[in-house]
PDB file of N, CA and C in Angstrom:
ATOM      1  N   MET A   1      -4.660   7.760 -10.297  1.00  0.00           N
ATOM      2  CA  MET A   1      -4.533   6.259 -11.035  1.00  0.00           C
ATOM      3  C   MET A   1      -5.760   5.246 -10.284  1.00  0.00           C
ATOM      4  N   ASP A   2      -6.142   5.210 -11.700  1.00  0.00           N
ATOM      5  CA  ASP A   2      -6.558   3.918 -10.945  1.00  0.00           C
ATOM      6  C   ASP A   2      -6.283   2.194 -11.419  1.00  0.00           C
ATOM      7  N   ALA A   3      -7.154   1.243 -10.701  1.00  0.00           N
ATOM      8  CA  ALA A   3      -6.265   0.024 -11.196  1.00  0.00           C
ATOM      9  C   ALA A   3      -6.295  -0.472 -12.231  1.00  0.00           C
ATOM     10  N   SER A   4      -6.595   0.017 -13.095  1.00  0.00           N
ATOM     11  CA  SER A   4      -6.644  -0.008 -14.966  1.00  0.00           C
ATOM     12  C   SER A   4      -5.428  -0.038 -15.287  1.00  0.00           C
ATOM     13  N   GLU A   5      -4.683   1.579 -14.731  1.00  0.00           N
ATOM     14  CA  GLU A   5      -3.519   2.275 -14.955  1.00  0.00           C
ATOM     15  C   GLU A   5      -2.479   1.779 -13.663  1.00  0.00           C
ATOM     16  N   VAL A   6      -2.171   0.655 -13.973  1.00  0.00           N
ATOM     17  CA  VAL A   6      -1.028  -0.591 -12.598  1.00  0.00           C
ATOM     18  C   VAL A   6      -1.096  -0.793 -13.385  1.00  0.00           C
ATOM     19  N   THR A   7       0.454  -1.323 -13.697  1.00  0.00           N
ATOM     20  CA  THR A   7       0.550  -2.596 -14.004  1.00  0.00           C
ATOM     21  C   THR A   7       2.028  -3.090 -13.513  1.00  0.00           C
ATOM     22  N   THR A   8       2.356  -4.113 -12.975  1.00  0.00           N
ATOM     23  CA  THR A   8       3.422  -4.281 -12.722  1.00  0.00           C
ATOM     24  C   THR A   8       4.913  -4.026 -12.760  1.00  0.00           C
ATOM     25  N   LYS A   9       4.555  -3.099 -13.821  1.00  0.00           N
ATOM     26  CA  LYS A   9       5.802  -2.067 -13.754  1.00  0.00           C
ATOM     27  C   LYS A   9       6.067  -0.629 -13.158  1.00  0.00           C
ATOM     28  N   THR A  10       4.471   0.041 -12.601  1.00  0.00           N
ATOM     29  CA  THR A  10       4.654   0.540 -11.029  1.00  0.00           C
ATOM     30  C   THR A  10       5.765   0.396 -10.091  1.00  0.00           C
ATOM     31  N   THR A  11       5.526   1.538  -9.971  1.00  0.00           N
ATOM     32  CA  THR A  11       6.919   1.160  -8.693  1.00  0.00           C
ATOM     33  C   THR A  11       6.338   2.388  -7.399  1.00  0.00           C
ATOM     34  N   LEU A  12       6.152   1.755  -6.401  1.00  0.00           N
ATOM     35  CA  LEU A  12       6.025   2.482  -5.031  1.00  0.00           C
ATOM     36  C   LEU A  12       6.341   3.782  -5.868  1.00  0.00           C
ATOM     37  N   ALA A  13       7.539   4.256  -6.025  1.00  0.00           N
ATOM     38  CA  ALA A  13       8.173   5.539  -5.644  1.00  0.00           C
ATOM     39  C   ALA A  13       7.098   5.930  -6.762  1.00  0.00           C
ATOM     40  N   ASP A  14       6.769   5.571  -7.032  1.00  0.00           N
ATOM     41  CA  ASP A  14       5.795   6.099  -8.528  1.00  0.00           C
ATOM     42  C   ASP A  14       4.624   6.467  -7.995  1.00  0.00           C
ATOM     43  N   TYR A  15       3.984   5.493  -7.469  1.00  0.00           N
ATOM     44  CA  TYR A  15       2.497   5.610  -7.168  1.00  0.00           C
ATOM     45  C   TYR A  15       2.219   6.848  -5.880  1.00  0.00           C
ATOM     46  N   VAL A  16       3.702   7.103  -4.601  1.00  0.00           N
ATOM     47  CA  VAL A  16       3.072   8.024  -3.899  1.00  0.00           C
ATOM     48  C   VAL A  16       3.814   9.218  -4.221  1.00  0.00           C
ATOM     49  N   ASP A  17       4.485   9.095  -5.567  1.00  0.00           N
ATOM     50  CA  ASP A  17       5.046  10.755  -6.503  1.00  0.00           C
ATOM     51  C   ASP A  17       6.401  11.054  -4.769  1.00  0.00           C
ATOM     52  N   ALA A  18       7.258  10.019  -5.103  1.00  0.00           N
ATOM     53  CA  ALA A  18       8.914   9.659  -4.064  1.00  0.00           C
ATOM     54  C   ALA A  18       9.372  11.472  -4.245  1.00  0.00           C
ATOM     55  N   ALA A  19       9.675  12.144  -3.865  1.00  0.00           N
ATOM     56  CA  ALA A  19      10.990  12.345  -4.550  1.00  0.00           C
ATOM     57  C   ALA A  19      12.230  13.113  -3.787  1.00  0.00           C
ATOM     58  N   GLY A  20      13.067  12.626  -3.749  1.00  0.00           N
ATOM     59  CA  GLY A  20      13.921  12.731  -2.880  1.00  0.00           C
ATOM     60  C   GLY A  20      15.041  11.778  -2.352  1.00  0.00           C
ATOM     61  N   SER A  21      16.099  11.580  -1.715  1.00  0.00           N
ATOM     62  CA  SER A  21      16.535  10.831  -1.171  1.00  0.00           C
ATOM     63  C   SER A  21      16.450  10.550   0.513  1.00  0.00           C
ATOM     64  N   ALA A  22      15.861  10.990   0.859  1.00  0.00           N
ATOM     65  CA  ALA A  22      15.361  10.346   1.832  1.00  0.00           C
ATOM     66  C   ALA A  22      13.953   9.882   2.159  1.00  0.00           C
ATOM     67  N   ASP A  23      13.102  10.070   0.674  1.00  0.00           N
ATOM     68  CA  ASP A  23      11.683   9.642   0.290  1.00  0.00           C
ATOM     69  C   ASP A  23      12.404   8.593  -0.520  1.00  0.00           C
ATOM     70  N   GLU A  24      13.826   8.510  -1.343  1.00  0.00           N
ATOM     71  CA  GLU A  24      14.088   6.878  -2.038  1.00  0.00           C
ATOM     72  C   GLU A  24      14.373   6.143  -0.539  1.00  0.00           C
ATOM     73  N   ALA A  25      14.595   6.283   0.413  1.00  0.00           N
ATOM     74  CA  ALA A  25      15.458   5.202   1.848  1.00  0.00           C
ATOM     75  C   ALA A  25      14.328   4.747   2.513  1.00  0.00           C
ATOM     76  N   MET A  26      13.138   5.625   2.265  1.00  0.00           N
ATOM     77  CA  MET A  26      12.250   5.143   2.989  1.00  0.00           C
ATOM     78  C   MET A  26      11.388   4.627   2.224  1.00  0.00           C
ATOM     79  N   VAL A  27      10.599   4.179   1.101  1.00  0.00           N
ATOM     80  CA  VAL A  27       9.976   3.371  -0.220  1.00  0.00           C
ATOM     81  C   VAL A  27      10.987   2.124   0.196  1.00  0.00           C
ATOM     82  N   THR A  28      12.456   2.072  -0.176  1.00  0.00           N
ATOM     83  CA  THR A  28      12.714   0.360  -0.495  1.00  0.00           C
ATOM     84  C   THR A  28      12.378  -0.002   1.907  1.00  0.00           C
ATOM     85  N   GLU A  29      11.826   1.013   2.405  1.00  0.00           N
ATOM     86  CA  GLU A  29      11.553  -0.071   3.648  1.00  0.00           C
ATOM     87  C   GLU A  29      10.320  -0.836   3.155  1.00  0.00           C
ATOM     88  N   CYS A  30       9.741   0.853   3.346  1.00  0.00           N
ATOM     89  CA  CYS A  30       7.845   0.370   2.388  1.00  0.00           C
ATOM     90  C   CYS A  30       8.662  -0.553   1.785  1.00  0.00           C
ATOM     91  N   GLU A  31       8.964  -0.268   1.375  1.00  0.00           N
ATOM     92  CA  GLU A  31       8.455  -1.951   0.185  1.00  0.00           C
ATOM     93  C   GLU A  31       9.003  -3.226   0.962  1.00  0.00           C
ATOM     94  N   GLU A  32      10.366  -3.121   1.587  1.00  0.00           N
ATOM     95  CA  GLU A  32      10.121  -4.512   2.124  1.00  0.00           C
ATOM     96  C   GLU A  32       9.160  -5.459   3.241  1.00  0.00           C
ATOM     97  N   ALA A  33       8.769  -4.474   3.936  1.00  0.00           N
ATOM     98  CA  ALA A  33       7.768  -3.581   4.678  1.00  0.00           C
ATOM     99  C   ALA A  33       6.900  -5.067   4.221  1.00  0.00           C
ATOM    100  N   ALA A  34       5.980  -4.572   2.736  1.00  0.00           N
ATOM    101  CA  ALA A  34       5.435  -4.885   2.803  1.00  0.00           C
ATOM    102  C   ALA A  34       5.240  -5.947   1.802  1.00  0.00           C
ATOM    103  N   SER A  35       6.121  -5.706   1.184  1.00  0.00           N
ATOM    104  CA  SER A  35       6.694  -7.742   1.039  1.00  0.00           C
ATOM    105  C   SER A  35       6.217  -8.184   2.059  1.00  0.00           C
ATOM    106  N   GLU A  36       6.659  -8.588   3.146  1.00  0.00           N
ATOM    107  CA  GLU A  36       6.902  -9.287   4.119  1.00  0.00           C
ATOM    108  C   GLU A  36       5.023  -9.169   4.813  1.00  0.00           C
ATOM    109  N   ARG A  37       4.413  -8.428   4.469  1.00  0.00           N
ATOM    110  CA  ARG A  37       3.117  -8.538   5.385  1.00  0.00           C
ATOM    111  C   ARG A  37       2.138  -9.384   4.007  1.00  0.00           C
ATOM    112  N   LEU A  38       2.265  -9.084   2.769  1.00  0.00           N
ATOM    113  CA  LEU A  38       1.576  -9.374   1.944  1.00  0.00           C
ATOM    114  C   LEU A  38       1.538 -10.457   1.737  1.00  0.00           C
ATOM    115  N   ALA A  39       3.264 -11.287   1.475  1.00  0.00           N
ATOM    116  CA  ALA A  39       2.982 -12.528   2.169  1.00  0.00           C
ATOM    117  C   ALA A  39       2.784 -13.665   3.089  1.00  0.00           C
ATOM    118  N   ALA A  40       2.797 -12.732   4.501  1.00  0.00           N
ATOM    119  CA  ALA A  40       1.956 -13.128   5.311  1.00  0.00           C
ATOM    120  C   ALA A  40       0.855 -13.208   5.398  1.00  0.00           C
ATOM    121  N   LEU A  41       0.152 -12.008   4.808  1.00  0.00           N
ATOM    122  CA  LEU A  41      -1.264 -12.606   4.387  1.00  0.00           C
ATOM    123  C   LEU A  41      -1.880 -12.617   4.250  1.00  0.00           C
ATOM    124  N   LEU A  42      -0.627 -12.730   2.144  1.00  0.00           N
ATOM    125  CA  LEU A  42      -1.044 -14.124   1.778  1.00  0.00           C
ATOM    126  C   LEU A  42      -1.550 -15.785   2.111  1.00  0.00           C
ATOM    127  N   GLY A  43       0.293 -16.046   2.504  1.00  0.00           N
ATOM    128  CA  GLY A  43       0.058 -17.463   2.831  1.00  0.00           C
ATOM    129  C   GLY A  43      -0.160 -18.325   1.411  1.00  0.00           C
ATOM    130  N   THR A  44      -0.766 -19.171   1.543  1.00  0.00           N
ATOM    131  CA  THR A  44      -0.133 -20.362   0.160  1.00  0.00           C
ATOM    132  C   THR A  44      -1.251 -19.916  -0.873  1.00  0.00           C
ATOM    133  N   ALA A  45      -2.189 -18.990  -0.862  1.00  0.00           N
ATOM    134  CA  ALA A  45      -3.058 -18.655  -1.600  1.00  0.00           C
ATOM    135  C   ALA A  45      -2.388 -17.644  -3.353  1.00  0.00           C
ATOM    136  N   LYS A  46      -3.403 -18.473  -3.867  1.00  0.00           N
ATOM    137  CA  LYS A  46      -3.106 -18.415  -5.064  1.00  0.00           C
ATOM    138  C   LYS A  46      -3.691 -16.957  -6.101  1.00  0.00           C
ATOM    139  N   VAL A  47      -2.830 -16.014  -6.263  1.00  0.00           N
ATOM    140  CA  VAL A  47      -3.411 -14.536  -6.718  1.00  0.00           C
ATOM    141  C   VAL A  47      -3.075 -14.868  -8.356  1.00  0.00           C
ATOM    142  N   PRO A  48      -3.763 -13.859  -9.021  1.00  0.00           N
ATOM    143  CA  PRO A  48      -3.072 -13.362  -9.984  1.00  0.00           C
ATOM    144  C   PRO A  48      -2.151 -12.114  -9.891  1.00  0.00           C
ATOM    145  N   ALA A  49      -0.904 -11.577 -10.465  1.00  0.00           N
ATOM    146  CA  ALA A  49      -0.510 -11.308 -10.370  1.00  0.00           C
ATOM    147  C   ALA A  49      -0.736  -9.643 -10.434  1.00  0.00           C
ATOM    148  N   LEU A  50      -1.336  -9.250 -11.046  1.00  0.00           N
ATOM    149  CA  LEU A  50      -1.465  -7.830 -11.651  1.00  0.00           C
ATOM    150  C   LEU A  50      -2.828  -7.346  -9.908  1.00  0.00           C
ATOM    151  N   SER A  51      -3.770  -8.728 -10.019  1.00  0.00           N
ATOM    152  CA  SER A  51      -3.862  -8.077  -7.553  1.00  0.00           C
ATOM    153  C   SER A  51      -2.845  -8.233  -6.843  1.00  0.00           C
ATOM    154  N   SER A  52      -2.083  -8.221  -6.527  1.00  0.00           N
ATOM    155  CA  SER A  52      -1.422  -9.015  -5.582  1.00  0.00           C
ATOM    156  C   SER A  52      -0.424  -7.853  -6.104  1.00  0.00           C
ATOM    157  N   HIS A  53      -0.051  -6.892  -6.761  1.00  0.00           N
ATOM    158  CA  HIS A  53       1.393  -6.105  -7.700  1.00  0.00           C
ATOM    159  C   HIS A  53       0.091  -5.060  -6.566  1.00  0.00           C
ATOM    160  N   LEU A  54      -0.747  -5.158  -7.118  1.00  0.00           N
ATOM    161  CA  LEU A  54      -2.023  -3.720  -6.454  1.00  0.00           C
ATOM    162  C   LEU A  54      -2.295  -3.489  -4.726  1.00  0.00           C
ATOM    163  N   ALA A  55      -1.626  -5.058  -4.005  1.00  0.00           N
ATOM    164  CA  ALA A  55      -1.932  -4.918  -2.774  1.00  0.00           C
ATOM    165  C   ALA A  55      -1.035  -4.433  -2.593  1.00  0.00           C
ATOM    166  N   LEU A  56       0.765  -4.968  -2.515  1.00  0.00           N
ATOM    167  CA  LEU A  56       1.873  -4.459  -2.693  1.00  0.00           C
ATOM    168  C   LEU A  56       1.619  -3.441  -2.621  1.00  0.00           C
ATOM    169  N   LEU A  57       1.425  -2.152  -3.650  1.00  0.00           N
ATOM    170  CA  LEU A  57       1.329  -1.339  -3.867  1.00  0.00           C
ATOM    171  C   LEU A  57       0.468  -0.665  -2.249  1.00  0.00           C
ATOM    172  N   THR A  58      -0.360  -0.548  -2.598  1.00  0.00           N
ATOM    173  CA  THR A  58      -1.279   0.132  -1.457  1.00  0.00           C
ATOM    174  C   THR A  58      -0.957  -0.168  -0.464  1.00  0.00           C
ATOM    175  N   ILE A  59      -0.140  -1.827   0.660  1.00  0.00           N
ATOM    176  CA  ILE A  59      -0.033  -1.613   1.467  1.00  0.00           C
ATOM    177  C   ILE A  59       1.538  -1.212   1.767  1.00  0.00           C
ATOM    178  N   GLY A  60       2.502  -0.672   0.220  1.00  0.00           N
ATOM    179  CA  GLY A  60       2.989   0.331   0.554  1.00  0.00           C
ATOM    180  C   GLY A  60       3.394   1.354   1.081  1.00  0.00           C
ATOM    181  N   ALA A  61       2.017   1.816   0.186  1.00  0.00           N
ATOM    182  CA  ALA A  61       1.347   3.556   0.096  1.00  0.00           C
ATOM    183  C   ALA A  61       1.304   3.600   1.592  1.00  0.00           C
ATOM    184  N   ASN A  62       0.023   2.420   1.789  1.00  0.00           N
ATOM    185  CA  ASN A  62      -0.899   3.098   3.233  1.00  0.00           C
ATOM    186  C   ASN A  62       1.031   3.100   4.920  1.00  0.00           C
ATOM    187  N   LEU A  63       1.165   2.326   4.464  1.00  0.00           N
ATOM    188  CA  LEU A  63       3.283   1.959   5.411  1.00  0.00           C
ATOM    189  C   LEU A  63       4.067   4.164   4.711  1.00  0.00           C
ATOM    190  N   PHE A  64       4.123   3.886   3.712  1.00  0.00           N
ATOM    191  CA  PHE A  64       5.045   5.250   3.342  1.00  0.00           C
ATOM    192  C   PHE A  64       4.223   6.571   4.083  1.00  0.00           C
ATOM    193  N   TYR A  65       2.781   6.788   3.740  1.00  0.00           N
ATOM    194  CA  TYR A  65       1.988   7.737   4.954  1.00  0.00           C
ATOM    195  C   TYR A  65       1.702   8.207   6.121  1.00  0.00           C
ATOM    196  N   ARG A  66       2.736   6.917   6.400  1.00  0.00           N
ATOM    197  CA  ARG A  66       2.100   6.978   8.213  1.00  0.00           C
ATOM    198  C   ARG A  66       3.382   7.762   8.740  1.00  0.00           C
ATOM    199  N   ARG A  67       3.822   7.696   8.135  1.00  0.00           N
ATOM    200  CA  ARG A  67       5.009   8.423   7.697  1.00  0.00           C
ATOM    201  C   ARG A  67       5.156   9.792   8.631  1.00  0.00           C
ATOM    202  N   GLN A  68       3.935  10.211   7.621  1.00  0.00           N
ATOM    203  CA  GLN A  68       4.038  11.494   7.593  1.00  0.00           C
ATOM    204  C   GLN A  68       2.787  11.963   8.737  1.00  0.00           C
ATOM    205  N   SER A  69       2.701  11.516   9.350  1.00  0.00           N
ATOM    206  CA  SER A  69       0.979  11.665  10.070  1.00  0.00           C
ATOM    207  C   SER A  69       1.787  10.994  11.919  1.00  0.00           C
ATOM    208  N   GLY A  70       1.872  11.370  11.989  1.00  0.00           N
ATOM    209  CA  GLY A  70       2.471  11.674  13.457  1.00  0.00           C
ATOM    210  C   GLY A  70       1.352  11.544  14.622  1.00  0.00           C
ATOM    211  N   THR A  71       0.033  12.168  14.623  1.00  0.00           N
ATOM    212  CA  THR A  71      -1.006  12.430  15.448  1.00  0.00           C
ATOM    213  C   THR A  71      -2.601  11.019  14.755  1.00  0.00           C
ATOM    214  N   GLY A  72      -1.837  10.237  13.503  1.00  0.00           N
ATOM    215  CA  GLY A  72      -2.816   9.780  12.702  1.00  0.00           C
ATOM    216  C   GLY A  72      -3.920  10.638  11.864  1.00  0.00           C
ATOM    217  N   GLN A  73      -3.287  11.030  11.151  1.00  0.00           N
ATOM    218  CA  GLN A  73      -3.911  12.397  10.494  1.00  0.00           C
ATOM    219  C   GLN A  73      -2.945  13.398   9.711  1.00  0.00           C
ATOM    220  N   MET A  74      -2.887  13.779   8.115  1.00  0.00           N
ATOM    221  CA  MET A  74      -1.903  14.147   7.530  1.00  0.00           C
ATOM    222  C   MET A  74      -2.658  15.340   5.859  1.00  0.00           C
ATOM    223  N   ASN A  75      -2.669  16.078   6.080  1.00  0.00           N
ATOM    224  CA  ASN A  75      -3.085  16.839   4.682  1.00  0.00           C
ATOM    225  C   ASN A  75      -2.728  15.526   3.087  1.00  0.00           C
ATOM    226  N   MET A  76      -3.478  16.320   3.043  1.00  0.00           N
ATOM    227  CA  MET A  76      -3.781  15.641   0.980  1.00  0.00           C
ATOM    228  C   MET A  76      -2.856  16.265   0.210  1.00  0.00           C
ATOM    229  N   GLU A  77      -1.727  16.866  -0.702  1.00  0.00           N
ATOM    230  CA  GLU A  77      -1.847  17.462  -1.430  1.00  0.00           C
ATOM    231  C   GLU A  77      -3.065  18.484  -2.927  1.00  0.00           C
ATOM    232  N   GLY A  78      -2.826  18.705  -3.335  1.00  0.00           N
ATOM    233  CA  GLY A  78      -3.298  18.543  -5.071  1.00  0.00           C
ATOM    234  C   GLY A  78      -3.952  19.219  -4.848  1.00  0.00           C
ATOM    235  N   GLU A  79      -5.469  19.273  -5.977  1.00  0.00           N
ATOM    236  CA  GLU A  79      -6.607  20.599  -6.496  1.00  0.00           C
ATOM    237  C   GLU A  79      -7.972  20.550  -5.154  1.00  0.00           C
ATOM    238  N   PHE A  80      -7.755  19.337  -4.520  1.00  0.00           N
ATOM    239  CA  PHE A  80      -8.990  19.572  -3.585  1.00  0.00           C
ATOM    240  C   PHE A  80      -7.746  19.097  -1.936  1.00  0.00           C
ATOM    241  N   GLN A  81      -7.418  19.565  -2.050  1.00  0.00           N
ATOM    242  CA  GLN A  81      -6.606  19.774  -0.182  1.00  0.00           C
ATOM    243  C   GLN A  81      -7.595  19.091   1.170  1.00  0.00           C
ATOM    244  N   ALA A  82      -7.466  18.083   1.392  1.00  0.00           N
ATOM    245  CA  ALA A  82      -8.024  17.082   2.321  1.00  0.00           C
ATOM    246  C   ALA A  82      -7.543  17.145   3.887  1.00  0.00           C
ATOM    247  N   ALA A  83      -7.599  16.891   5.072  1.00  0.00           N
ATOM    248  CA  ALA A  83      -7.528  15.984   6.323  1.00  0.00           C
ATOM    249  C   ALA A  83      -7.606  14.021   5.657  1.00  0.00           C
ATOM    250  N   VAL A  84      -6.727  13.350   5.360  1.00  0.00           N
ATOM    251  CA  VAL A  84      -6.464  12.277   5.895  1.00  0.00           C
ATOM    252  C   VAL A  84      -6.939  11.428   7.127  1.00  0.00           C
ATOM    253  N   ARG A  85      -7.648  10.499   7.655  1.00  0.00           N
ATOM    254  CA  ARG A  85      -7.344  10.017   8.665  1.00  0.00           C
ATOM    255  C   ARG A  85      -5.882   9.054   8.102  1.00  0.00           C
ATOM    256  N   VAL A  86      -5.312   8.324   8.620  1.00  0.00           N
ATOM    257  CA  VAL A  86      -4.383   7.456   7.875  1.00  0.00           C
ATOM    258  C   VAL A  86      -4.293   6.009   8.685  1.00  0.00           C
ATOM    259  N   LYS A  87      -4.640   4.938   8.289  1.00  0.00           N
ATOM    260  CA  LYS A  87      -5.610   3.739   8.854  1.00  0.00           C
ATOM    261  C   LYS A  87      -4.467   2.510   9.862  1.00  0.00           C
ATOM    262  N   LYS A  88      -5.097   2.290  11.283  1.00  0.00           N
ATOM    263  CA  LYS A  88      -3.749   1.798  11.971  1.00  0.00           C
ATOM    264  C   LYS A  88      -3.486   0.019  11.222  1.00  0.00           C
ATOM    265  N   ASP A  89      -4.459  -0.144  10.168  1.00  0.00           N
ATOM    266  CA  ASP A  89      -3.610  -1.318   9.707  1.00  0.00           C
ATOM    267  C   ASP A  89      -3.490  -1.324   7.831  1.00  0.00           C
ATOM    268  N   PRO A  90      -1.568  -1.308   7.773  1.00  0.00           N
ATOM    269  CA  PRO A  90      -1.717  -0.828   6.332  1.00  0.00           C
ATOM    270  C   PRO A  90      -2.317  -2.056   4.872  1.00  0.00           C
ATOM    271  N   THR A  91      -2.628  -2.986   6.108  1.00  0.00           N
ATOM    272  CA  THR A  91      -3.639  -3.934   5.121  1.00  0.00           C
ATOM    273  C   THR A  91      -4.026  -3.610   5.046  1.00  0.00           C
ATOM    274  N   ALA A  92      -5.305  -3.134   5.181  1.00  0.00           N
ATOM    275  CA  ALA A  92      -7.025  -3.004   5.222  1.00  0.00           C
ATOM    276  C   ALA A  92      -7.437  -3.133   4.190  1.00  0.00           C
ATOM    277  N   ASP A  93      -6.883  -2.191   3.712  1.00  0.00           N
ATOM    278  CA  ASP A  93      -7.114  -2.118   1.776  1.00  0.00           C
ATOM    279  C   ASP A  93      -6.620  -3.178   0.954  1.00  0.00           C
ATOM    280  N   ALA A  94      -5.679  -3.698   1.243  1.00  0.00           N
ATOM    281  CA  ALA A  94      -4.744  -4.856   1.063  1.00  0.00           C
ATOM    282  C   ALA A  94      -5.854  -5.703   0.456  1.00  0.00           C
ATOM    283  N   ARG A  95      -6.965  -6.277   1.878  1.00  0.00           N
ATOM    284  CA  ARG A  95      -7.862  -7.325   2.226  1.00  0.00           C
ATOM    285  C   ARG A  95      -8.248  -6.832   1.189  1.00  0.00           C
ATOM    286  N   GLU A  96      -9.571  -5.715   1.080  1.00  0.00           N
ATOM    287  CA  GLU A  96     -10.402  -6.302   0.654  1.00  0.00           C
ATOM    288  C   GLU A  96     -10.029  -6.465  -1.359  1.00  0.00           C
ATOM    289  N   ILE A  97      -9.274  -5.915  -1.823  1.00  0.00           N
ATOM    290  CA  ILE A  97      -8.539  -5.776  -3.317  1.00  0.00           C
ATOM    291  C   ILE A  97      -8.371  -8.238  -3.483  1.00  0.00           C
ATOM    292  N   LEU A  98      -8.155  -8.266  -2.745  1.00  0.00           N
ATOM    293  CA  LEU A  98      -7.758 -10.124  -1.703  1.00  0.00           C
ATOM    294  C   LEU A  98      -8.461 -10.738  -2.142  1.00  0.00           C
ATOM    295  N   ARG A  99      -9.721 -10.752  -1.094  1.00  0.00           N
ATOM    296  CA  ARG A  99     -10.557 -10.861  -0.572  1.00  0.00           C
ATOM    297  C   ARG A  99     -10.860 -12.176  -1.875  1.00  0.00           C
ATOM    298  N   PRO A 100     -11.320 -11.858  -2.803  1.00  0.00           N
ATOM    299  CA  PRO A 100     -11.723 -13.205  -3.321  1.00  0.00           C
ATOM    300  C   PRO A 100     -10.845 -14.546  -3.874  1.00  0.00           C
ATOM    301  N   TRP A 101      -9.594 -14.024  -2.955  1.00  0.00           N
ATOM    302  CA  TRP A 101      -7.917 -14.934  -2.897  1.00  0.00           C
ATOM    303  C   TRP A 101      -8.021 -15.298  -1.529  1.00  0.00           C
ATOM    304  N   LEU A 102      -9.048 -14.749  -0.179  1.00  0.00           N
ATOM    305  CA  LEU A 102      -8.358 -15.244   0.671  1.00  0.00           C
ATOM    306  C   LEU A 102      -9.262 -15.644   1.228  1.00  0.00           C
ATOM    307  N   LYS A 103      -9.007 -16.940   2.393  1.00  0.00           N
ATOM    308  CA  LYS A 103      -9.774 -17.947   3.099  1.00  0.00           C
ATOM    309  C   LYS A 103      -9.940 -16.363   4.527  1.00  0.00           C
ATOM    310  N   PRO A 104     -11.618 -16.730   4.762  1.00  0.00           N
ATOM    311  CA  PRO A 104     -11.924 -16.934   5.274  1.00  0.00           C
ATOM    312  C   PRO A 104     -11.445 -16.834   7.342  1.00  0.00           C
ATOM    313  N   GLY A 105     -11.047 -16.244   7.612  1.00  0.00           N
ATOM    314  CA  GLY A 105     -10.011 -16.460   9.564  1.00  0.00           C
ATOM    315  C   GLY A 105     -11.385 -16.477  10.468  1.00  0.00           C
ATOM    316  N   LEU A 106     -11.077 -17.449  11.482  1.00  0.00           N
ATOM    317  CA  LEU A 106     -11.683 -17.851  12.546  1.00  0.00           C
ATOM    318  C   LEU A 106     -11.699 -16.738  13.840  1.00  0.00           C
ATOM    319  N   ALA A 107     -13.159 -16.937  13.525  1.00  0.00           N
ATOM    320  CA  ALA A 107     -13.776 -15.330  15.147  1.00  0.00           C
ATOM    321  C   ALA A 107     -13.456 -16.169  15.620  1.00  0.00           C
TER     322      ALA A 107
END
């Protein structure tokens, strides 16, 4: 799924292909945590709805997949199976999406 396919109707459960009641509960927790992190990241910045929603899905997915990787590494299933390292900062990818609207930080 690329950014052109993501609409504000796409849910985190669809985005991470969640299945089962255990996944549903985790998706709900990840959505809440992602929303809090996104609000803290944005502060007072005005961001277009689609970019904000894509950032929310990205943070939520990073949090969701983190539970599968007790060692910091997880296996992706599909046509091209590979081991993938999970980032320590779940907002890193979202920062790239939101870069045009975020204020530079202090060093």
